[in-house]
Amino acid sequence: MAKCPVCGQRKGKRACVQHGEPVCSVCCDETRGKACQGCSHHSGSKKSYNYTQVPFYDEQMMDDTDRQRMAAWVAWALCHLDRKEGMTDRQVSSLLERVMDVLYFREKNPAFADPRERKRFTWFTGELMKVVKSYPDDQWTRVVATVWGAVTREGNEGRGYLDGARKSAPIAPPIKNPSVLSRWFT
């Protein structure tokens, strides 16, 4: 991990729109400006949601092939992004949180940590819109929340979820249908 480009003393861990590369938390706090609007580290830019309160599936996934198919699609999409860009479980967790912001919390303009997260969200939701016609909104919300739970149980620091998912996720998308969720992602 590179040193902060502002102070040159600490590790740069926070993606920074203003500086174009990761900065340390101290410099992030001290150099915030108008360019930081919408950044998740900018105070007041992101509402705080309790994602553990989002309804999810537990045993109901075991005997329902539709829900398993939906979860397989989510795993495929996450693995596809990982193959293209290389991701960590923390980035997957954050992406799924932005999806829940829209699906469950009805957020119109979710806040993104950096432009890459916005790009991943745009791709993921675009693909999601292609496959959800046959399933109600609340089922997708619960499937996304279930996968988010699996990711966070693995621990967000490494790649425990992604490495496990890449072993079992299909190479091609498992289901193809037009969307009924477009009203949430437009």
C-alpha atoms as a PDB file:
ATOM      1  CA  MET A   1       0.000   0.000   0.000  1.00  0.00           C
ATOM      2  CA  ALA A   2       1.433   3.380  -1.048  1.00  0.00           C
ATOM      3  CA  LYS A   3       2.021   6.339   1.226  1.00  0.00           C
ATOM      4  CA  CYS A   4      -0.477   9.165   1.358  1.00  0.00           C
ATOM      5  CA  PRO A   5       0.302  11.627  -1.476  1.00  0.00           C
ATOM      6  CA  VAL A   6      -0.641  14.603   0.739  1.00  0.00           C
ATOM      7  CA  CYS A   7       1.466  14.046   3.873  1.00  0.00           C
ATOM      8  CA  GLY A   8       3.809  11.300   2.678  1.00  0.00           C
ATOM      9  CA  GLN A   9       3.827   9.808   6.194  1.00  0.00           C
ATOM     10  CA  ARG A  10       0.896   7.422   6.585  1.00  0.00           C
ATOM     11  CA  LYS A  11      -0.558   4.752   4.313  1.00  0.00           C
ATOM     12  CA  GLY A  12      -3.155   6.016   1.851  1.00  0.00           C
ATOM     13  CA  LYS A  13      -6.238   3.862   2.452  1.00  0.00           C
ATOM     14  CA  ARG A  14      -9.198   6.063   1.462  1.00  0.00           C
ATOM     15  CA  ALA A  15      -9.984   6.467  -2.226  1.00  0.00           C
ATOM     16  CA  CYS A  16      -9.964  10.204  -2.884  1.00  0.00           C
ATOM     17  CA  VAL A  17     -11.769  11.948  -5.724  1.00  0.00           C
ATOM     18  CA  GLN A  18     -10.067  15.253  -4.963  1.00  0.00           C
ATOM     19  CA  HIS A  19      -6.488  13.902  -5.065  1.00  0.00           C
ATOM     20  CA  GLY A  20      -7.054  11.073  -7.541  1.00  0.00           C
ATOM     21  CA  GLU A  21      -5.404   8.431  -5.379  1.00  0.00           C
ATOM     22  CA  PRO A  22      -5.823   6.958  -1.889  1.00  0.00           C
ATOM     23  CA  VAL A  23      -5.062   9.295   1.040  1.00  0.00           C
ATOM     24  CA  CYS A  24      -4.730   8.654   4.769  1.00  0.00           C
ATOM     25  CA  SER A  25      -7.692   9.313   7.049  1.00  0.00           C
ATOM     26  CA  VAL A  26      -6.065  12.373   8.644  1.00  0.00           C
ATOM     27  CA  CYS A  27      -5.445  14.101   5.313  1.00  0.00           C
ATOM     28  CA  CYS A  28      -8.905  13.038   4.130  1.00  0.00           C
ATOM     29  CA  ASP A  29     -10.413  14.851   7.111  1.00  0.00           C
ATOM     30  CA  GLU A  30      -8.165  17.912   6.792  1.00  0.00           C
ATOM     31  CA  THR A  31      -8.384  18.504   3.021  1.00  0.00           C
ATOM     32  CA  ARG A  32     -12.081  17.965   2.299  1.00  0.00           C
ATOM     33  CA  GLY A  33     -13.542  20.411  -0.167  1.00  0.00           C
ATOM     34  CA  LYS A  34     -16.338  20.821  -2.699  1.00  0.00           C
ATOM     35  CA  ALA A  35     -14.854  18.065  -4.850  1.00  0.00           C
ATOM     36  CA  CYS A  36     -15.616  15.664  -1.985  1.00  0.00           C
ATOM     37  CA  GLN A  37     -19.409  16.017  -2.269  1.00  0.00           C
ATOM     38  CA  GLY A  38     -20.894  12.534  -2.556  1.00  0.00           C
ATOM     39  CA  CYS A  39     -17.851  10.790  -1.100  1.00  0.00           C
ATOM     40  CA  SER A  40     -18.758   8.314   1.631  1.00  0.00           C
ATOM     41  CA  HIS A  41     -16.142   9.920   3.927  1.00  0.00           C
ATOM     42  CA  HIS A  42     -17.650  13.396   3.506  1.00  0.00           C
ATOM     43  CA  SER A  43     -19.842  14.138   6.527  1.00  0.00           C
ATOM     44  CA  GLY A  44     -23.527  13.942   5.805  1.00  0.00           C
ATOM     45  CA  SER A  45     -23.023  12.536   2.315  1.00  0.00           C
ATOM     46  CA  LYS A  46     -24.322   9.060   3.121  1.00  0.00           C
ATOM     47  CA  LYS A  47     -27.212   8.075   5.269  1.00  0.00           C
ATOM     48  CA  SER A  48     -26.413   5.421   7.808  1.00  0.00           C
ATOM     49  CA  TYR A  49     -28.480   2.284   7.319  1.00  0.00           C
ATOM     50  CA  ASN A  50     -28.590  -0.835   9.451  1.00  0.00           C
ATOM     51  CA  TYR A  51     -28.142  -3.561   6.836  1.00  0.00           C
ATOM     52  CA  THR A  52     -28.637  -6.315   9.409  1.00  0.00           C
ATOM     53  CA  GLN A  53     -32.305  -5.251   9.539  1.00  0.00           C
ATOM     54  CA  VAL A  54     -32.887  -5.982   5.840  1.00  0.00           C
ATOM     55  CA  PRO A  55     -34.988  -9.168   5.520  1.00  0.00           C
ATOM     56  CA  PHE A  56     -32.987 -12.133   4.235  1.00  0.00           C
ATOM     57  CA  TYR A  57     -33.451 -15.834   3.536  1.00  0.00           C
ATOM     58  CA  ASP A  58     -32.144 -18.453   5.901  1.00  0.00           C
ATOM     59  CA  GLU A  59     -33.383 -22.007   5.597  1.00  0.00           C
ATOM     60  CA  GLN A  60     -35.852 -20.840   2.932  1.00  0.00           C
ATOM     61  CA  MET A  61     -33.021 -20.953   0.361  1.00  0.00           C
ATOM     62  CA  MET A  62     -32.446 -24.672   0.800  1.00  0.00           C
ATOM     63  CA  ASP A  63     -35.622 -25.957  -0.821  1.00  0.00           C
ATOM     64  CA  ASP A  64     -36.363 -23.194  -3.313  1.00  0.00           C
ATOM     65  CA  THR A  65     -34.650 -23.557  -6.686  1.00  0.00           C
ATOM     66  CA  ASP A  66     -35.730 -20.077  -7.821  1.00  0.00           C
ATOM     67  CA  ARG A  67     -34.011 -18.451  -4.858  1.00  0.00           C
ATOM     68  CA  GLN A  68     -30.943 -20.624  -5.373  1.00  0.00           C
ATOM     69  CA  ARG A  69     -30.899 -19.557  -9.032  1.00  0.00           C
ATOM     70  CA  MET A  70     -31.157 -15.907  -8.001  1.00  0.00           C
ATOM     71  CA  ALA A  71     -28.300 -16.291  -5.507  1.00  0.00           C
ATOM     72  CA  ALA A  72     -26.242 -18.055  -8.187  1.00  0.00           C
ATOM     73  CA  TRP A  73     -26.812 -15.088 -10.478  1.00  0.00           C
ATOM     74  CA  VAL A  74     -25.623 -12.653  -7.779  1.00  0.00           C
ATOM     75  CA  ALA A  75     -22.526 -14.827  -7.209  1.00  0.00           C
ATOM     76  CA  TRP A  76     -21.898 -14.967 -10.975  1.00  0.00           C
ATOM     77  CA  ALA A  77     -22.154 -11.171 -11.279  1.00  0.00           C
ATOM     78  CA  LEU A  78     -19.799 -10.593  -8.340  1.00  0.00           C
ATOM     79  CA  CYS A  79     -17.296 -13.119  -9.690  1.00  0.00           C
ATOM     80  CA  HIS A  80     -17.532 -11.527 -13.144  1.00  0.00           C
ATOM     81  CA  LEU A  81     -16.628  -8.147 -11.630  1.00  0.00           C
ATOM     82  CA  ASP A  82     -13.820  -9.798  -9.671  1.00  0.00           C
ATOM     83  CA  ARG A  83     -12.413 -11.387 -12.839  1.00  0.00           C
ATOM     84  CA  LYS A  84     -12.482  -8.023 -14.618  1.00  0.00           C
ATOM     85  CA  GLU A  85     -11.147  -5.805 -11.834  1.00  0.00           C
ATOM     86  CA  GLY A  86     -10.020  -7.852  -8.870  1.00  0.00           C
ATOM     87  CA  MET A  87     -12.042  -7.082  -5.765  1.00  0.00           C
ATOM     88  CA  THR A  88     -11.973  -7.699  -2.037  1.00  0.00           C
ATOM     89  CA  ASP A  89     -14.842  -8.901   0.121  1.00  0.00           C
ATOM     90  CA  ARG A  90     -15.060  -5.361   1.560  1.00  0.00           C
ATOM     91  CA  GLN A  91     -15.686  -3.978  -1.939  1.00  0.00           C
ATOM     92  CA  VAL A  92     -18.316  -6.664  -2.582  1.00  0.00           C
ATOM     93  CA  SER A  93     -19.993  -5.849   0.727  1.00  0.00           C
ATOM     94  CA  SER A  94     -20.035  -2.144  -0.129  1.00  0.00           C
ATOM     95  CA  LEU A  95     -21.472  -2.835  -3.602  1.00  0.00           C
ATOM     96  CA  LEU A  96     -24.266  -4.976  -2.154  1.00  0.00           C
ATOM     97  CA  GLU A  97     -24.974  -2.261   0.429  1.00  0.00           C
ATOM     98  CA  ARG A  98     -25.473   0.283  -2.375  1.00  0.00           C
ATOM     99  CA  VAL A  99     -27.885  -2.165  -4.051  1.00  0.00           C
ATOM    100  CA  MET A 100     -29.795  -2.548  -0.771  1.00  0.00           C
ATOM    101  CA  ASP A 101     -29.786   1.252  -0.418  1.00  0.00           C
ATOM    102  CA  VAL A 102     -31.850   1.358  -3.608  1.00  0.00           C
ATOM    103  CA  LEU A 103     -33.928  -1.824  -3.290  1.00  0.00           C
ATOM    104  CA  TYR A 104     -34.802  -1.758   0.392  1.00  0.00           C
ATOM    105  CA  PHE A 105     -34.169   1.761   1.675  1.00  0.00           C
ATOM    106  CA  ARG A 106     -35.420   3.377  -1.570  1.00  0.00           C
ATOM    107  CA  GLU A 107     -32.382   5.646  -1.816  1.00  0.00           C
ATOM    108  CA  LYS A 108     -32.529   7.662  -5.032  1.00  0.00           C
ATOM    109  CA  ASN A 109     -28.855   8.696  -5.118  1.00  0.00           C
ATOM    110  CA  PRO A 110     -26.634   6.254  -3.239  1.00  0.00           C
ATOM    111  CA  ALA A 111     -23.227   7.597  -2.185  1.00  0.00           C
ATOM    112  CA  PHE A 112     -20.166   5.882  -3.635  1.00  0.00           C
ATOM    113  CA  ALA A 113     -16.705   5.629  -2.113  1.00  0.00           C
ATOM    114  CA  ASP A 114     -15.040   6.222  -5.478  1.00  0.00           C
ATOM    115  CA  PRO A 115     -15.723   6.199  -9.244  1.00  0.00           C
ATOM    116  CA  ARG A 116     -14.890   2.483  -9.489  1.00  0.00           C
ATOM    117  CA  GLU A 117     -17.645   1.636  -7.006  1.00  0.00           C
ATOM    118  CA  ARG A 118     -20.121   3.699  -9.059  1.00  0.00           C
ATOM    119  CA  LYS A 119     -19.005   1.876 -12.219  1.00  0.00           C
ATOM    120  CA  ARG A 120     -19.426  -1.539 -10.543  1.00  0.00           C
ATOM    121  CA  PHE A 121     -22.854  -0.550  -9.222  1.00  0.00           C
ATOM    122  CA  THR A 122     -23.953   0.653 -12.672  1.00  0.00           C
ATOM    123  CA  TRP A 123     -22.821  -2.589 -14.306  1.00  0.00           C
ATOM    124  CA  PHE A 124     -24.283  -4.809 -11.561  1.00  0.00           C
ATOM    125  CA  THR A 125     -27.688  -3.096 -11.535  1.00  0.00           C
ATOM    126  CA  GLY A 126     -27.752  -3.022 -15.342  1.00  0.00           C
ATOM    127  CA  GLU A 127     -27.221  -6.773 -15.407  1.00  0.00           C
ATOM    128  CA  LEU A 128     -29.720  -7.238 -12.575  1.00  0.00           C
ATOM    129  CA  MET A 129     -32.364  -5.423 -14.598  1.00  0.00           C
ATOM    130  CA  LYS A 130     -31.948  -8.037 -17.330  1.00  0.00           C
ATOM    131  CA  VAL A 131     -32.788 -10.977 -15.068  1.00  0.00           C
ATOM    132  CA  VAL A 132     -35.491 -10.021 -12.611  1.00  0.00           C
ATOM    133  CA  LYS A 133     -38.775 -10.110 -14.526  1.00  0.00           C
ATOM    134  CA  SER A 134     -40.001 -13.358 -13.035  1.00  0.00           C
ATOM    135  CA  TYR A 135     -39.263 -12.470  -9.442  1.00  0.00           C
ATOM    136  CA  PRO A 136     -40.811  -9.842  -7.121  1.00  0.00           C
ATOM    137  CA  ASP A 137     -38.695  -6.945  -5.863  1.00  0.00           C
ATOM    138  CA  ASP A 138     -38.770  -8.209  -2.282  1.00  0.00           C
ATOM    139  CA  GLN A 139     -37.287 -11.564  -3.321  1.00  0.00           C
ATOM    140  CA  TRP A 140     -34.299  -9.845  -4.940  1.00  0.00           C
ATOM    141  CA  THR A 141     -33.865  -7.650  -1.891  1.00  0.00           C
ATOM    142  CA  ARG A 142     -33.819 -10.706   0.350  1.00  0.00           C
ATOM    143  CA  VAL A 143     -31.421 -12.611  -1.933  1.00  0.00           C
ATOM    144  CA  VAL A 144     -29.015  -9.649  -2.074  1.00  0.00           C
ATOM    145  CA  ALA A 145     -29.243  -9.332   1.727  1.00  0.00           C
ATOM    146  CA  THR A 146     -28.571 -13.069   2.093  1.00  0.00           C
ATOM    147  CA  VAL A 147     -25.456 -12.852  -0.098  1.00  0.00           C
ATOM    148  CA  TRP A 148     -24.360  -9.712   1.787  1.00  0.00           C
ATOM    149  CA  GLY A 149     -24.676 -11.713   5.021  1.00  0.00           C
ATOM    150  CA  ALA A 150     -22.483 -14.461   3.577  1.00  0.00           C
ATOM    151  CA  VAL A 151     -19.863 -11.917   2.497  1.00  0.00           C
ATOM    152  CA  THR A 152     -19.759 -10.177   5.865  1.00  0.00           C
ATOM    153  CA  ARG A 153     -19.607 -13.500   7.741  1.00  0.00           C
ATOM    154  CA  GLU A 154     -16.454 -14.341   5.795  1.00  0.00           C
ATOM    155  CA  GLY A 155     -14.856 -11.128   7.024  1.00  0.00           C
ATOM    156  CA  ASN A 156     -14.415  -8.063   4.877  1.00  0.00           C
ATOM    157  CA  GLU A 157     -10.629  -7.858   4.968  1.00  0.00           C
ATOM    158  CA  GLY A 158      -9.697 -10.567   2.496  1.00  0.00           C
ATOM    159  CA  ARG A 159     -11.259 -12.617  -0.239  1.00  0.00           C
ATOM    160  CA  GLY A 160     -12.896 -15.472   1.679  1.00  0.00           C
ATOM    161  CA  TYR A 161     -16.288 -15.054   0.036  1.00  0.00           C
ATOM    162  CA  LEU A 162     -14.944 -14.302  -3.443  1.00  0.00           C
ATOM    163  CA  ASP A 163     -12.506 -17.212  -3.449  1.00  0.00           C
ATOM    164  CA  GLY A 164     -15.262 -19.621  -2.366  1.00  0.00           C
ATOM    165  CA  ALA A 165     -17.759 -18.190  -4.841  1.00  0.00           C
ATOM    166  CA  ARG A 166     -15.314 -18.381  -7.754  1.00  0.00           C
ATOM    167  CA  LYS A 167     -14.978 -22.121  -7.167  1.00  0.00           C
ATOM    168  CA  SER A 168     -18.710 -22.696  -7.533  1.00  0.00           C
ATOM    169  CA  ALA A 169     -20.148 -19.784  -9.534  1.00  0.00           C
ATOM    170  CA  PRO A 170     -20.971 -20.438 -13.180  1.00  0.00           C
ATOM    171  CA  ILE A 171     -18.865 -18.763 -15.876  1.00  0.00           C
ATOM    172  CA  ALA A 172     -21.988 -17.652 -17.785  1.00  0.00           C
ATOM    173  CA  PRO A 173     -24.992 -15.921 -16.214  1.00  0.00           C
ATOM    174  CA  PRO A 174     -27.375 -18.573 -14.847  1.00  0.00           C
ATOM    175  CA  ILE A 175     -30.670 -16.831 -15.752  1.00  0.00           C
ATOM    176  CA  LYS A 176     -31.748 -14.400 -18.439  1.00  0.00           C
ATOM    177  CA  ASN A 177     -34.979 -12.374 -18.213  1.00  0.00           C
ATOM    178  CA  PRO A 178     -35.973  -8.737 -18.805  1.00  0.00           C
ATOM    179  CA  SER A 179     -36.443  -6.428 -15.847  1.00  0.00           C
ATOM    180  CA  VAL A 180     -39.234  -5.203 -13.612  1.00  0.00           C
ATOM    181  CA  LEU A 181     -36.862  -3.339 -11.293  1.00  0.00           C
ATOM    182  CA  SER A 182     -35.914  -0.635 -13.756  1.00  0.00           C
ATOM    183  CA  ARG A 183     -37.952   1.899 -11.791  1.00  0.00           C
ATOM    184  CA  TRP A 184     -35.438   1.579  -8.924  1.00  0.00           C
ATOM    185  CA  PHE A 185     -32.303   1.866 -11.047  1.00  0.00           C
ATOM    186  CA  THR A 186     -33.144   4.705 -13.421  1.00  0.00           C
END
